[in-house]
Amino acid sequence: MNGLHGDEEPAEHGRFACYLQALEAVAEADEADLVAAVLRDQDMTMADSAVCRHLDRRAADLLTGPAFTAWARTMTEVFADRDFLTLRLREWTLLRTIALGKR
């Protein structure tokens, strides 16, 4: 893939875009497996970034609904060894607690 100046785009940029597209379209039943597959990418920073974007989108969608708790539990198991993602999910869980407490 060529950049604006004919430079070769880094491979991780292409993978990142593919991961985002796949994560956005993934069926709920396949989500945990896909997240785990993305996190096995050789570029940990890029993989974490792609999963974080997905996590933010899904958490926002599920925030006040009943499915959030089971989803969060599953995601915690999938990326238990990734400190940043674990912290980000904790932030979403806290936001959910605050949001539900105001109802």
Protein backbone atom coordinates (compact mmCIF):
# COMPACT_ATOMS: atom_id res chain seq x y z
CA MET A 1 0.00 0.00 0.00
CA ASN A 2 1.49 3.33 -0.99
CA GLY A 3 1.47 6.44 1.16
CA LEU A 4 1.01 10.00 -0.09
CA HIS A 5 4.60 10.28 -1.28
CA GLY A 6 4.98 6.79 -2.69
CA ASP A 7 6.44 5.58 0.58
CA GLU A 8 5.50 2.11 1.67
CA GLU A 9 2.96 2.17 4.49
CA PRO A 10 4.11 0.18 7.53
CA ALA A 11 2.50 -3.26 7.68
CA GLU A 12 1.10 -2.62 11.15
CA HIS A 13 -0.98 0.28 9.79
CA GLY A 14 -2.73 -2.06 7.39
CA ARG A 15 -3.26 -4.68 10.10
CA PHE A 16 -4.61 -1.99 12.45
CA ALA A 17 -7.20 -0.90 9.87
CA CYS A 18 -8.17 -4.53 9.20
CA TYR A 19 -8.49 -5.24 12.91
CA LEU A 20 -10.73 -2.21 13.47
CA GLN A 21 -12.96 -3.25 10.59
CA ALA A 22 -13.17 -6.85 11.80
CA LEU A 23 -13.85 -5.81 15.40
CA GLU A 24 -16.64 -3.48 14.32
CA ALA A 25 -18.34 -6.25 12.34
CA VAL A 26 -17.74 -9.19 14.68
CA ALA A 27 -20.70 -11.19 15.95
CA GLU A 28 -21.12 -11.11 19.71
CA ALA A 29 -20.45 -14.84 19.96
CA ASP A 30 -17.09 -14.45 18.20
CA GLU A 31 -15.96 -11.23 19.87
CA ALA A 32 -13.76 -12.73 22.61
CA ASP A 33 -11.93 -14.99 20.13
CA LEU A 34 -11.29 -12.09 17.75
CA VAL A 35 -10.05 -9.81 20.54
CA ALA A 36 -7.71 -12.58 21.69
CA ALA A 37 -6.44 -13.04 18.12
CA VAL A 38 -5.76 -9.32 17.72
CA LEU A 39 -3.87 -9.29 21.01
CA ARG A 40 -1.57 -12.03 19.69
CA ASP A 41 -0.25 -9.65 17.02
CA GLN A 42 3.52 -9.16 17.14
CA ASP A 43 3.07 -5.39 17.59
CA MET A 44 1.63 -5.22 21.11
CA THR A 45 1.16 -1.43 21.09
CA MET A 46 -0.83 -1.50 17.86
CA ALA A 47 -2.88 -4.48 19.04
CA ASP A 48 -3.67 -2.80 22.36
CA SER A 49 -4.70 0.35 20.51
CA ALA A 50 -7.06 -1.53 18.19
CA VAL A 51 -8.63 -3.43 21.08
CA CYS A 52 -8.91 -0.24 23.15
CA ARG A 53 -10.87 1.47 20.37
CA HIS A 54 -13.14 -1.56 20.19
CA LEU A 55 -13.50 -1.66 23.96
CA ASP A 56 -14.47 2.03 24.07
CA ARG A 57 -17.08 1.58 21.34
CA ARG A 58 -18.61 -1.55 22.86
CA ALA A 59 -18.56 -0.23 26.41
CA ALA A 60 -20.33 2.95 25.31
CA ASP A 61 -22.97 0.89 23.48
CA LEU A 62 -23.54 -1.47 26.43
CA LEU A 63 -22.96 1.02 29.26
CA THR A 64 -26.36 1.07 30.96
CA GLY A 65 -27.75 -2.18 29.60
CA PRO A 66 -27.91 -5.57 31.29
CA ALA A 67 -25.35 -7.17 28.93
CA PHE A 68 -22.48 -4.96 30.15
CA THR A 69 -21.57 -7.08 33.19
CA ALA A 70 -21.20 -10.38 31.33
CA TRP A 71 -19.37 -8.66 28.47
CA ALA A 72 -16.95 -6.94 30.87
CA ARG A 73 -16.28 -10.22 32.67
CA THR A 74 -15.48 -11.93 29.37
CA MET A 75 -13.21 -9.11 28.20
CA THR A 76 -11.40 -9.14 31.56
CA GLU A 77 -10.56 -12.80 31.00
CA VAL A 78 -9.39 -12.18 27.44
CA PHE A 79 -6.95 -9.38 28.29
CA ALA A 80 -6.14 -10.07 31.94
CA ASP A 81 -2.41 -9.77 31.19
CA ARG A 82 -2.73 -6.35 29.51
CA ASP A 83 -2.60 -3.70 32.22
CA PHE A 84 -3.73 -0.76 30.09
CA LEU A 85 -6.81 -2.56 28.76
CA THR A 86 -7.69 -3.86 32.21
CA LEU A 87 -7.48 -0.32 33.61
CA ARG A 88 -9.55 1.06 30.73
CA LEU A 89 -12.29 -1.50 31.38
CA ARG A 90 -12.24 -0.60 35.08
CA GLU A 91 -12.80 3.04 34.09
CA TRP A 92 -15.81 2.04 31.99
CA THR A 93 -17.14 -0.08 34.86
CA LEU A 94 -16.84 2.90 37.21
CA LEU A 95 -18.61 5.11 34.68
CA ARG A 96 -21.39 2.51 34.45
CA THR A 97 -21.76 2.52 38.25
CA ILE A 98 -22.02 6.31 38.25
CA ALA A 99 -24.46 6.33 35.33
CA LEU A 100 -26.72 3.73 36.91
CA GLY A 101 -26.55 5.43 40.30
CA LYS A 102 -28.04 8.59 38.84
CA ARG A 103 -31.18 6.83 37.65
